[in-house]
Protein backbone atom coordinates (compact mmCIF):
# COMPACT_ATOMS: atom_id res chain seq x y z
CA UNK A 1 -0.39 -11.63 9.44
CA UNK A 2 2.23 -10.50 6.87
CA UNK A 3 3.45 -7.15 5.63
CA UNK A 4 3.05 -6.53 1.88
CA UNK A 5 5.73 -4.64 -0.04
CA UNK A 6 5.48 -3.39 -3.64
CA UNK A 7 8.70 -2.14 -5.25
CA UNK A 8 8.56 -0.25 -8.56
CA UNK A 9 5.61 -2.28 -9.83
CA UNK A 10 4.25 -1.42 -13.27
CA UNK A 11 1.60 -2.94 -15.50
CA UNK A 12 1.22 -1.85 -19.10
CA UNK A 13 -0.55 -3.00 -22.23
CA UNK A 14 1.57 -1.75 -25.09
CA UNK A 15 2.08 1.92 -24.34
CA UNK A 16 -0.86 2.18 -21.94
CA UNK A 17 0.24 2.11 -18.30
CA UNK A 18 -2.45 0.78 -15.96
CA UNK A 19 -0.03 1.11 -13.02
CA UNK A 20 3.12 3.19 -13.31
CA UNK A 21 6.14 2.55 -11.03
CA UNK A 22 4.16 1.95 -7.83
CA UNK A 23 6.06 1.47 -4.56
CA UNK A 24 4.23 1.10 -1.23
CA UNK A 25 4.27 -0.90 1.98
CA UNK A 26 1.13 -2.33 3.60
CA UNK A 27 1.78 -2.90 7.29
CA UNK A 28 0.91 -6.09 9.15
CA UNK A 29 -2.78 -5.98 10.23
CA UNK A 30 -3.33 -2.87 8.12
CA UNK A 31 -6.59 -1.92 6.43
CA UNK A 32 -5.57 -0.23 3.19
CA UNK A 33 -8.06 1.23 0.73
CA UNK A 34 -7.01 1.66 -2.88
CA UNK A 35 -8.90 4.79 -3.90
CA UNK A 36 -9.26 6.77 -7.09
CA UNK A 37 -11.49 7.55 -10.08
CA UNK A 38 -12.66 4.84 -12.48
CA UNK A 39 -9.83 3.45 -14.60
CA UNK A 40 -7.04 4.82 -12.37
CA UNK A 41 -5.40 1.41 -11.73
CA UNK A 42 -6.66 0.48 -8.26
CA UNK A 43 -8.23 -2.87 -9.26
CA UNK A 44 -5.17 -3.70 -11.37
CA UNK A 45 -3.00 -3.06 -8.30
CA UNK A 46 -5.18 -5.34 -6.18
CA UNK A 47 -5.11 -8.11 -8.80
CA UNK A 48 -1.32 -7.93 -9.10
CA UNK A 49 -0.82 -8.32 -5.35
CA UNK A 50 -3.31 -11.20 -5.31
CA UNK A 51 -1.69 -12.97 -8.26
CA UNK A 52 -4.62 -12.60 -10.66
CA UNK A 53 -2.67 -10.20 -12.89
CA UNK A 54 1.00 -10.46 -13.86
CA UNK A 55 2.96 -7.19 -13.52
CA UNK A 56 5.10 -6.04 -16.40
CA UNK A 57 7.94 -5.17 -14.03
CA UNK A 58 8.76 -4.77 -10.34
CA UNK A 59 8.72 -6.88 -7.20
CA UNK A 60 5.97 -7.92 -4.76
CA UNK A 61 6.64 -9.46 -1.36
CA UNK A 62 4.09 -10.89 1.12
CA UNK A 63 5.72 -11.34 4.51
CA UNK A 64 9.18 -12.87 4.01
CA UNK A 65 8.17 -14.48 0.72
CA UNK A 66 8.75 -12.91 -2.71
CA UNK A 67 5.64 -13.75 -4.75
CA UNK A 68 6.66 -11.81 -7.87
CA UNK A 69 9.97 -10.55 -9.20
CA UNK A 70 10.31 -9.65 -12.88
CA UNK A 71 14.12 -9.79 -12.77
CA UNK A 72 14.34 -13.15 -10.97
CA UNK A 73 11.46 -14.70 -12.94
CA UNK A 74 9.40 -15.42 -9.81
CA UNK A 75 5.61 -15.51 -10.11
CA UNK A 76 3.77 -17.50 -7.41
CA UNK A 77 0.20 -18.39 -8.41
CA UNK A 78 -2.80 -16.88 -6.63
CA UNK A 79 -3.70 -20.29 -5.17
CA UNK A 80 -0.34 -20.47 -3.40
CA UNK A 81 -0.28 -16.93 -1.99
CA UNK A 82 -2.69 -17.83 0.87
CA UNK A 83 -5.00 -14.90 0.22
CA UNK A 84 -8.78 -14.54 0.24
CA UNK A 85 -11.00 -12.70 -2.22
CA UNK A 86 -14.27 -10.82 -1.85
CA UNK A 87 -15.68 -9.24 -4.97
CA UNK A 88 -18.60 -7.05 -6.02
CA UNK A 89 -20.40 -10.16 -7.26
CA UNK A 90 -20.79 -12.49 -4.27
CA UNK A 91 -20.64 -15.57 -6.57
CA UNK A 92 -22.60 -17.81 -4.17
CA UNK A 93 -23.69 -21.19 -5.52
CA UNK A 94 -27.50 -20.92 -5.85
CA UNK A 95 -28.07 -24.69 -5.53
CA UNK A 96 -26.05 -24.97 -2.28
CA UNK A 97 -27.09 -24.06 1.25
CA UNK A 98 -25.19 -21.40 3.16
CA UNK A 99 -23.29 -24.12 5.03
CA UNK A 100 -22.20 -25.82 1.80
CA UNK A 101 -21.25 -22.48 0.23
CA UNK A 102 -18.91 -21.75 3.12
CA UNK A 103 -17.43 -25.28 3.21
CA UNK A 104 -16.97 -25.47 -0.57
CA UNK A 105 -13.40 -24.13 -0.55
CA UNK A 106 -12.44 -25.93 2.65
CA UNK A 107 -13.09 -29.45 1.40
CA UNK A 108 -10.25 -29.37 -1.14
CA UNK A 109 -7.98 -27.03 0.80
CA UNK A 110 -4.49 -28.43 1.37
CA UNK A 111 -2.04 -26.50 3.50
CA UNK A 112 0.69 -26.99 6.09
CA UNK A 113 -1.05 -27.72 9.40
CA UNK A 114 -0.26 -29.49 12.68
CA UNK A 115 -1.40 -33.13 12.61
CA UNK A 116 -4.12 -33.41 15.27
CA UNK A 117 -6.62 -35.84 16.76
CA UNK A 118 -9.98 -34.06 16.31
CA UNK A 119 -11.76 -36.83 18.19
CA UNK A 120 -9.54 -36.34 21.23
CA UNK A 121 -10.19 -32.57 21.20
CA UNK A 122 -13.93 -33.11 20.77
CA UNK A 123 -14.25 -35.19 23.94
CA UNK A 124 -11.98 -32.82 25.89
CA UNK A 125 -14.28 -29.93 24.91
CA UNK A 126 -17.42 -31.91 25.78
CA UNK A 127 -16.00 -32.87 29.19
CA UNK A 128 -15.57 -29.19 30.00
CA UNK A 129 -18.84 -27.95 28.47
CA UNK A 130 -21.11 -30.52 30.14
CA UNK A 131 -20.09 -29.31 33.60
CA UNK A 132 -21.47 -25.82 32.87
CA UNK A 133 -25.05 -26.84 33.64
CA UNK A 134 -26.23 -23.24 34.21
CA UNK A 135 -25.23 -22.19 30.70
CA UNK A 136 -26.67 -25.32 29.08
CA UNK A 137 -30.06 -24.81 30.71
CA UNK A 138 -29.97 -21.10 29.81
CA UNK A 139 -29.28 -21.85 26.14
CA UNK A 140 -32.09 -24.41 26.08
CA UNK A 141 -34.51 -21.89 27.58
CA UNK A 142 -33.54 -19.37 24.89
CA UNK A 143 -34.55 -21.96 22.30
CA UNK A 144 -38.17 -22.36 23.50
CA UNK A 145 -40.89 -21.20 21.11
CA UNK A 146 -44.08 -19.34 22.07
CA UNK A 147 -45.72 -22.66 23.01
CA UNK A 148 -42.89 -23.55 25.40
CA UNK A 149 -41.41 -26.25 23.17
CA UNK A 150 -37.69 -26.28 22.49
CA UNK A 151 -36.74 -25.51 18.89
CA UNK A 152 -34.03 -28.10 18.27
CA UNK A 153 -32.21 -26.09 15.57
CA UNK A 154 -32.08 -22.99 17.76
CA UNK A 155 -30.84 -25.06 20.69
CA UNK A 156 -28.02 -26.46 18.55
CA UNK A 157 -27.06 -22.96 17.49
CA UNK A 158 -26.98 -21.60 21.05
CA UNK A 159 -24.87 -24.53 22.22
CA UNK A 160 -22.48 -24.21 19.25
CA UNK A 161 -21.94 -20.49 19.75
CA UNK A 162 -21.99 -20.61 23.54
CA UNK A 163 -19.35 -23.31 23.90
CA UNK A 164 -17.59 -22.88 20.51
CA UNK A 165 -18.14 -26.52 19.63
CA UNK A 166 -19.12 -28.43 16.48
CA UNK A 167 -22.62 -29.52 15.44
CA UNK A 168 -21.93 -33.14 16.39
CA UNK A 169 -20.91 -32.05 19.91
CA UNK A 170 -23.98 -29.79 20.22
CA UNK A 171 -26.24 -32.71 19.29
CA UNK A 172 -24.59 -34.89 21.92
CA UNK A 173 -25.13 -32.26 24.63
CA UNK A 174 -28.73 -31.69 23.58
CA UNK A 175 -29.48 -35.42 23.67
CA UNK A 176 -28.69 -35.52 27.41
CA UNK A 177 -32.08 -33.90 28.12
CA UNK A 178 -31.02 -31.37 30.78
CA UNK A 179 -34.21 -29.35 30.21
CA UNK A 180 -36.35 -32.06 31.83
CA UNK A 181 -34.20 -32.58 34.94
CA UNK A 182 -33.98 -30.75 38.25
CA UNK A 183 -30.77 -29.16 39.55
CA UNK A 184 -29.50 -32.19 41.48
CA UNK A 185 -30.20 -34.56 38.58
CA UNK A 186 -28.38 -32.20 36.18
CA UNK A 187 -25.29 -31.95 38.40
CA UNK A 188 -25.11 -35.72 38.83
CA UNK A 189 -25.54 -36.31 35.09
CA UNK A 190 -22.97 -33.64 34.22
CA UNK A 191 -20.38 -35.19 36.55
CA UNK A 192 -20.98 -38.68 35.16
CA UNK A 193 -20.84 -37.57 31.51
CA UNK A 194 -17.75 -35.41 32.07
CA UNK A 195 -15.90 -38.39 33.51
CA UNK A 196 -17.13 -40.51 30.62
CA UNK A 197 -15.91 -37.98 28.02
CA UNK A 198 -12.53 -37.65 29.72
CA UNK A 199 -12.21 -41.45 29.77
CA UNK A 200 -12.94 -41.53 26.01
CA UNK A 201 -10.33 -38.85 25.40
CA UNK A 202 -7.78 -40.75 27.47
CA UNK A 203 -8.63 -43.97 25.63
CA UNK A 204 -8.00 -42.24 22.28
CA UNK A 205 -4.67 -40.93 23.56
CA UNK A 206 -3.56 -44.38 24.78
CA UNK A 207 -4.57 -46.03 21.51
CA UNK A 208 -2.43 -43.55 19.61
CA UNK A 209 0.52 -44.09 21.94
CA UNK A 210 0.31 -47.86 21.40
CA UNK A 211 0.78 -47.14 17.69
CA UNK A 212 3.83 -45.00 18.48
CA UNK A 213 2.08 -41.62 18.26
CA UNK A 214 2.32 -39.05 21.05
CA UNK A 215 -0.07 -36.10 21.38
CA UNK A 216 -0.08 -33.05 23.63
CA UNK A 217 -3.06 -31.44 25.43
CA UNK A 218 -3.90 -29.51 22.24
CA UNK A 219 -4.35 -32.83 20.43
CA UNK A 220 -1.26 -32.20 18.27
CA UNK A 221 0.98 -35.11 17.24
CA UNK A 222 4.57 -34.87 18.48
CA UNK A 223 7.77 -36.27 17.00
CA UNK A 224 10.49 -38.06 19.01
CA UNK A 225 12.01 -34.70 20.00
CA UNK A 226 8.63 -33.49 21.32
CA UNK A 227 8.05 -31.02 18.49
CA UNK A 228 4.65 -30.61 16.83
CA UNK A 229 4.44 -32.49 13.52
CA UNK A 230 3.48 -30.25 10.58
CA UNK A 231 2.07 -31.83 7.44
CA UNK A 232 0.56 -30.65 4.19
CA UNK A 233 -2.93 -32.07 4.52
CA UNK A 234 -6.67 -31.56 4.16
CA UNK A 235 -9.00 -30.65 7.01
CA UNK A 236 -11.10 -33.44 8.50
CA UNK A 237 -14.87 -33.18 8.89
CA UNK A 238 -14.73 -31.98 12.51
CA UNK A 239 -12.16 -29.28 11.70
CA UNK A 240 -14.23 -28.05 8.76
CA UNK A 241 -17.36 -27.80 10.89
CA UNK A 242 -15.52 -25.92 13.65
CA UNK A 243 -14.11 -23.43 11.13
CA UNK A 244 -17.51 -22.87 9.53
CA UNK A 245 -19.16 -22.31 12.92
CA UNK A 246 -16.36 -19.92 13.91
CA UNK A 247 -16.68 -17.64 10.86
CA UNK A 248 -20.48 -17.84 11.07
CA UNK A 249 -20.25 -16.41 14.60
CA UNK A 250 -18.01 -13.59 13.40
CA UNK A 251 -20.41 -12.41 10.66
CA UNK A 252 -23.66 -13.49 12.36
CA UNK A 253 -24.97 -15.99 9.79
CA UNK A 254 -25.25 -19.08 12.04
CA UNK A 255 -29.04 -19.14 11.86
CA UNK A 256 -29.03 -19.20 8.04
CA UNK A 257 -26.97 -22.37 7.54
CA UNK A 258 -29.78 -24.39 5.97
CA UNK A 259 -31.06 -21.61 3.71
CA UNK A 260 -30.25 -21.07 0.05
CA UNK A 261 -28.82 -17.74 -1.27
CA UNK A 262 -32.15 -16.83 -2.92
CA UNK A 263 -33.76 -16.90 0.54
CA UNK A 264 -31.36 -14.25 1.89
CA UNK A 265 -31.30 -10.47 1.66
CA UNK A 266 -28.43 -8.67 -0.08
CA UNK A 267 -26.75 -7.91 3.24
CA UNK A 268 -27.07 -11.52 4.39
CA UNK A 269 -25.60 -12.78 1.12
CA UNK A 270 -22.70 -10.38 1.60
CA UNK A 271 -22.09 -11.79 5.09
CA UNK A 272 -22.06 -15.34 3.70
CA UNK A 273 -19.54 -14.28 1.05
CA UNK A 274 -17.36 -12.78 3.81
CA UNK A 275 -17.66 -15.99 5.89
CA UNK A 276 -16.59 -18.08 2.89
CA UNK A 277 -13.59 -15.78 2.39
CA UNK A 278 -12.57 -16.04 6.06
CA UNK A 279 -12.99 -19.82 6.40
CA UNK A 280 -9.64 -20.84 4.81
CA UNK A 281 -7.91 -18.40 7.22
CA UNK A 282 -6.08 -16.42 4.52
CA UNK A 283 -3.07 -14.29 5.40
CA UNK A 284 -4.49 -11.34 3.45
CA UNK A 285 -8.05 -10.52 2.40
CA UNK A 286 -8.64 -8.64 -0.86
CA UNK A 287 -11.93 -6.84 -1.46
CA UNK A 288 -12.95 -5.24 -4.76
CA UNK A 289 -15.89 -2.85 -4.17
CA UNK A 290 -17.76 -5.49 -2.12
CA UNK A 291 -20.51 -3.12 -0.93
CA UNK A 292 -21.43 -1.45 -4.22
CA UNK A 293 -24.46 -3.72 -4.80
CA UNK A 294 -26.07 -2.73 -1.48
CA UNK A 295 -28.40 0.19 -0.79
CA UNK A 296 -27.04 3.26 1.02
CA UNK A 297 -28.30 2.33 4.50
CA UNK A 298 -27.05 -1.25 4.31
CA UNK A 299 -23.72 -0.07 2.93
CA UNK A 300 -23.28 2.11 6.02
CA UNK A 301 -24.08 -0.83 8.32
CA UNK A 302 -21.68 -3.14 6.48
CA UNK A 303 -18.87 -0.58 6.77
CA UNK A 304 -19.18 -0.85 10.55
CA UNK A 305 -19.21 -4.66 10.29
CA UNK A 306 -16.08 -4.69 8.12
CA UNK A 307 -14.23 -2.43 10.55
CA UNK A 308 -15.19 -4.73 13.45
CA UNK A 309 -14.27 -7.78 11.35
CA UNK A 310 -10.81 -6.36 10.72
CA UNK A 311 -10.25 -6.03 14.45
CA UNK A 312 -11.68 -9.49 15.27
CA UNK A 313 -9.68 -11.39 12.64
CA UNK A 314 -6.39 -9.51 12.90
CA UNK A 315 -6.03 -9.98 9.13
CA UNK A 316 -4.48 -7.58 6.63
CA UNK A 317 -7.22 -6.05 4.44
CA UNK A 318 -6.69 -4.53 0.99
CA UNK A 319 -9.87 -2.86 -0.22
CA UNK A 320 -10.68 -1.24 -3.59
CA UNK A 321 -13.25 1.54 -3.76
CA UNK A 322 -14.02 4.71 -5.72
CA UNK A 323 -16.09 6.04 -2.80
CA UNK A 324 -13.90 8.42 -0.80
CA UNK A 325 -16.20 8.33 2.24
CA UNK A 326 -15.90 4.54 2.32
CA UNK A 327 -12.12 4.80 2.07
CA UNK A 328 -11.87 7.44 4.78
CA UNK A 329 -14.10 5.65 7.29
CA UNK A 330 -12.62 2.15 6.89
CA UNK A 331 -8.91 2.52 6.31
CA UNK A 332 -5.84 2.75 8.47
CA UNK A 333 -4.10 4.02 5.32
CA UNK A 334 -5.50 5.35 2.04
CA UNK A 335 -3.61 4.77 -1.22
CA UNK A 336 -4.89 7.41 -3.66
CA UNK A 337 -4.10 6.68 -7.32
CA UNK A 338 -4.68 8.70 -10.49
CA UNK A 339 -3.77 7.61 -14.02
CA UNK A 340 -1.81 4.67 -12.58
CA UNK A 341 0.40 6.93 -10.45
CA UNK A 342 0.43 7.02 -6.65
CA UNK A 343 -0.64 10.48 -5.48
CA UNK A 344 -0.54 10.04 -1.69
CA UNK A 345 -0.34 7.12 0.75
CA UNK A 346 -1.04 8.07 4.36
CA UNK A 347 -3.67 7.73 7.12
CA UNK A 348 -7.05 9.14 6.02
CA UNK A 349 -7.13 12.16 8.32
CA UNK A 350 -3.56 13.07 7.34
CA UNK A 351 -4.60 13.06 3.68
CA UNK A 352 -7.66 15.18 4.50
CA UNK A 353 -5.65 17.73 6.49
CA UNK A 354 -2.54 17.86 4.28
CA UNK A 355 -3.40 16.81 0.69
CA UNK A 356 -0.10 16.56 -1.21
CA UNK A 357 -1.39 18.15 -4.42
CA UNK A 358 -4.43 19.72 -6.06
CA UNK A 359 -5.83 16.37 -7.23
CA UNK A 360 -5.80 14.92 -3.71
CA UNK A 361 -7.31 18.10 -2.23
CA UNK A 362 -10.17 17.99 -4.74
CA UNK A 363 -10.81 14.23 -4.58
CA UNK A 364 -10.88 13.95 -0.78
CA UNK A 365 -13.66 15.75 1.05
CA UNK A 366 -17.43 16.09 0.76
CA UNK A 367 -18.58 18.76 0.02
CA UNK A 368 -15.59 19.48 -2.22
CA UNK A 369 -12.87 21.95 -1.36
CA UNK A 370 -13.00 25.53 -2.72
CA UNK A 371 -10.27 26.58 -5.19
CA UNK A 372 -9.39 30.24 -5.88
CA UNK A 373 -6.53 31.52 -8.04
CA UNK A 374 -4.27 34.10 -6.42
CA UNK A 375 -1.14 36.18 -7.11
CA UNK A 376 1.30 36.41 -4.16
CA UNK A 377 3.39 39.20 -2.69
CA UNK A 378 5.74 38.23 0.14
CA UNK A 379 5.53 40.54 3.20
CA UNK A 380 7.92 39.13 5.77
CA UNK A 381 6.51 35.81 6.98
CA UNK A 382 3.05 36.70 5.59
CA UNK A 383 1.93 36.41 1.98
CA UNK A 384 -0.54 38.95 0.57
CA UNK A 385 -2.77 37.25 -1.98
CA UNK A 386 -4.62 39.14 -4.70
CA UNK A 387 -7.71 37.19 -5.76
CA UNK A 388 -11.28 37.44 -7.01
CA UNK A 389 -10.80 40.44 -9.32
CA UNK A 390 -8.62 42.59 -7.08
CA UNK A 391 -9.59 41.61 -3.53
CA UNK A 392 -6.69 41.19 -1.11
CA UNK A 393 -6.24 38.80 1.79
CA UNK A 394 -3.30 38.03 4.10
CA UNK A 395 -2.14 34.42 4.32
CA UNK A 396 0.00 33.43 7.33
CA UNK A 397 1.78 30.07 6.84
CA UNK A 398 2.14 27.79 9.85
CA UNK A 399 5.81 27.34 8.93
CA UNK A 400 8.09 29.89 7.24
CA UNK A 401 7.73 29.92 3.45
CA UNK A 402 9.89 31.77 0.90
CA UNK A 403 7.72 31.92 -2.23
CA UNK A 404 10.58 33.05 -4.52
CA UNK A 405 12.76 30.19 -3.29
CA UNK A 406 9.90 27.72 -3.77
CA UNK A 407 9.43 28.81 -7.41
CA UNK A 408 13.19 28.52 -8.05
CA UNK A 409 13.34 25.01 -6.60
CA UNK A 410 10.20 23.99 -8.54
CA UNK A 411 11.75 25.05 -11.84
CA UNK A 412 15.02 23.26 -11.06
CA UNK A 413 13.14 20.04 -10.22
CA UNK A 414 11.14 20.32 -13.46
CA UNK A 415 14.37 20.62 -15.46
CA UNK A 416 15.89 17.63 -13.66
CA UNK A 417 12.76 15.55 -14.30
CA UNK A 418 12.79 16.49 -17.99
CA UNK A 419 16.49 15.58 -18.31
CA UNK A 420 15.89 12.27 -16.53
CA UNK A 421 13.03 11.49 -18.93
CA UNK A 422 15.18 12.27 -21.98
CA UNK A 423 17.89 9.97 -20.61
CA UNK A 424 15.33 7.20 -20.00
CA UNK A 425 14.13 7.48 -23.60
CA UNK A 426 17.64 6.57 -24.79
CA UNK A 427 17.62 3.34 -22.78
CA UNK A 428 16.89 0.05 -24.48
CA UNK A 429 13.36 -1.21 -23.87
CA UNK A 430 11.94 2.22 -23.02
CA UNK A 431 8.20 2.46 -23.72
CA UNK A 432 6.62 5.89 -23.93
CA UNK A 433 3.49 6.29 -21.84
CA UNK A 434 0.50 6.83 -24.14
CA UNK A 435 -1.72 7.96 -21.27
CA UNK A 436 0.79 10.67 -20.34
CA UNK A 437 0.36 12.44 -17.01
CA UNK A 438 -1.08 15.94 -17.21
CA UNK A 439 -1.56 18.63 -14.62
CA UNK A 440 -4.78 18.28 -12.65
CA UNK A 441 -7.74 19.93 -14.37
CA UNK A 442 -9.15 21.63 -11.28
CA UNK A 443 -12.31 23.71 -11.45
CA UNK A 444 -13.10 27.22 -10.15
CA UNK A 445 -16.84 27.77 -9.74
CA UNK A 446 -18.27 31.05 -11.04
CA UNK A 447 -21.79 32.33 -11.56
CA UNK A 448 -21.06 32.80 -15.27
CA UNK A 449 -19.90 29.17 -15.61
CA UNK A 450 -17.20 26.91 -14.23
CA UNK A 451 -13.61 27.66 -15.26
CA UNK A 452 -11.42 24.59 -15.84
CA UNK A 453 -7.65 24.73 -15.62
CA UNK A 454 -7.18 22.97 -18.96
CA UNK A 455 -9.00 25.80 -20.73
CA UNK A 456 -6.36 28.31 -19.62
CA UNK A 457 -3.09 28.86 -21.47
CA UNK A 458 0.20 30.68 -20.73
CA UNK A 459 -0.25 30.40 -16.98
CA UNK A 460 2.03 32.84 -15.13
CA UNK A 461 4.82 31.13 -13.18
CA UNK A 462 3.86 32.89 -9.94
CA UNK A 463 0.17 31.92 -9.83
CA UNK A 464 -1.01 30.11 -6.69
CA UNK A 465 -4.18 28.28 -5.71
CA UNK A 466 -5.86 28.93 -2.38
CA UNK A 467 -7.80 25.87 -1.19
CA UNK A 468 -10.40 26.26 1.58
CA UNK A 469 -12.43 23.43 3.10
CA UNK A 470 -16.18 24.24 3.44
CA UNK A 471 -16.07 23.93 7.23
CA UNK A 472 -13.53 26.79 7.45
CA UNK A 473 -15.92 29.28 5.83
CA UNK A 474 -17.89 31.17 8.45
CA UNK A 475 -21.26 32.56 7.41
CA UNK A 476 -23.05 35.57 8.93
CA UNK A 477 -20.08 37.26 10.58
CA UNK A 478 -19.92 40.99 11.26
CA UNK A 479 -16.78 41.42 9.16
CA UNK A 480 -15.77 39.75 5.93
CA UNK A 481 -16.54 39.64 2.23
CA UNK A 482 -20.05 40.60 1.17
CA UNK A 483 -21.84 37.46 0.00
CA UNK A 484 -25.22 36.25 -1.19
CA UNK A 485 -26.82 32.83 -0.65
CA UNK A 486 -26.87 31.01 -3.99
CA UNK A 487 -28.45 27.80 -2.63
CA UNK A 488 -28.91 25.95 0.66
CA UNK A 489 -29.27 22.19 1.21
CA UNK A 490 -30.29 21.40 4.81
CA UNK A 491 -30.13 17.80 6.06
CA UNK A 492 -30.90 18.39 9.74
CA UNK A 493 -27.42 17.63 11.04
CA UNK A 494 -25.82 20.21 8.73
CA UNK A 495 -26.60 22.56 5.85
CA UNK A 496 -24.45 22.85 2.73
CA UNK A 497 -24.55 26.44 1.54
CA UNK A 498 -23.34 27.85 -1.77
CA UNK A 499 -22.52 31.54 -1.59
CA UNK A 500 -21.52 34.09 -4.21
CA UNK A 501 -18.80 36.67 -3.68
CA UNK A 502 -18.91 38.79 -6.82
CA UNK A 503 -18.82 36.27 -9.67
CA UNK A 504 -17.21 33.53 -7.54
CA UNK A 505 -19.08 30.69 -5.82
CA UNK A 506 -17.97 29.30 -2.45
CA UNK A 507 -19.28 26.18 -0.72
CA UNK A 508 -19.66 26.35 3.06
CA UNK A 509 -21.12 24.13 5.77
CA UNK A 510 -23.21 25.24 8.75
CA UNK A 511 -23.63 22.57 11.43
CA UNK A 512 -27.00 22.03 13.08
CA UNK A 513 -30.59 22.35 11.85
CA UNK A 514 -30.24 25.76 10.20
CA UNK A 515 -31.46 27.02 6.85
CA UNK A 516 -30.89 30.05 4.64
CA UNK A 517 -33.11 31.90 2.18
CA UNK A 518 -32.15 32.13 -1.47
CA UNK A 519 -30.43 35.46 -2.31
CA UNK A 520 -30.13 36.31 1.39
CA UNK A 521 -27.36 38.87 1.97
CA UNK A 522 -24.63 37.93 4.44
CA UNK A 523 -20.89 38.08 5.02
CA UNK A 524 -18.29 35.34 4.98
CA UNK A 525 -14.91 35.07 6.66
CA UNK A 526 -12.36 32.30 7.14
CA UNK A 527 -11.21 30.61 10.33
CA UNK A 528 -8.73 27.93 11.35
CA UNK A 529 -5.10 27.28 10.46
CA UNK A 530 -5.70 24.43 7.99
CA UNK A 531 -6.25 26.58 4.89
CA UNK A 532 -4.04 25.29 2.09
CA UNK A 533 -1.83 27.04 -0.45
CA UNK A 534 -0.75 25.29 -3.68
CA UNK A 535 1.52 26.07 -6.59
CA UNK A 536 -0.60 26.48 -9.73
CA UNK A 537 2.06 25.21 -12.14
CA UNK A 538 3.19 22.01 -10.37
CA UNK A 539 0.02 21.44 -8.29
CA UNK A 540 2.16 20.77 -5.19
CA UNK A 541 1.27 21.80 -1.64
CA UNK A 542 3.25 24.81 -0.42
CA UNK A 543 1.87 25.31 3.07
CA UNK A 544 -1.09 25.27 5.42
CA UNK A 545 -1.97 28.39 7.38
CA UNK A 546 -4.60 30.98 8.24
CA UNK A 547 -6.32 33.86 6.42
CA UNK A 548 -7.15 37.41 7.42
CA UNK A 549 -9.26 39.68 5.24
CA UNK A 550 -7.67 43.13 4.80
């Protein structure tokens, strides 16, 4: 499977930038989720990679092939990018059976493939399968109904999945009547039929050789130099059936082949849509919120199926979602976008532990992270933070941090960025971004009402934001800040607790089947070395570290 590279890709409509100068690399066999709030540009990004949307500028490469380059004038169509699509709307044909829905795209598919003799391969497979008498009789026994009669359709399915053969081969094996014969009769029949099938395969091979065509043991045609002949061609009937049966096994829809979409549940329809996407064997599979139409329980089950599917197929998955839990649980890498701009692109747990800025810290995590404004005073390697109306707490960074130096560098970078922007405005073809980027409007929760960053003006240059994950707040300790239980939401596995410290509201998590009474008095403290410190003005991460209440 190929690697996907995006280099300075932008998409704008007039002055509105849907995607703004995006560069990223999706590794071979990666599972990347494009995550962000509604309208952030994640679906636009997906559509540009897939070829459904034309970028305004930039370059996109799939494997060794450039599929879009604004400077070179390259724009390969979606049909020729060898990708598969799975969307929120399954788009199954209601008048077609499951089998026909899956085969629909295969019948007209033309691609570069080895030229093969499907008939030769069929008889080779039958010659091997018929000798496994124990398995054949076992599959036939599985297919008996409550009255002891063999259900023919079930028998076909067991034989197809057990031996990885086509329907025509399964019918031929079933017709031999092994279920009515004793062990000696079965062995004798199997030996005779195996020899017969091998003779047919050999006859096919000789007939081809008489016409000047050589084939190898894989049934592939060879040229005079002994190399496999590749040709742009359609799949034959046997190849189509084998592909359909293969993807049906992967997503467990083999028993539904003769049903119509209306006779399936939502989850089953989703599996059929996945099978149809997999059947053409695309290099990359794109998914745009494919689970959003399912109920919560089924969505959870399908997440597990998709993760297993990614491993089984070895394909590269690109998946759009606005659900951060879905992104975190599925992905090898999360691409978090806001207002068309890439915020962070790293493995999910890395993003959770070290969010690059305030937006990422707030967006990732459930329950949400706690934000508290603070004013710093450097004391050697420690930083004393004044917060919550005069309370003081000592922050110890995991790595040395010079706050004064950080502020100086921040201001220099801001000046350089402003100068660069002014220079860009002078360039021909410059388009000013209407949906201009603004600092993240984070929220501090207070009893008197939430305080939003956008409502504050003339922010001091030395203001910081302390960010604490709920699991790092310890409730009911002997030492700590005096607190009161504002609300408690037990689920059995854990309890989400909101606590007030003065006018400020903290969210904590207690694991296990515990509960708290409203207005119950307690104390809170902070543990762990993953507590985050951010610059208020730029929103950038300064450090992770630990806290100690003075």
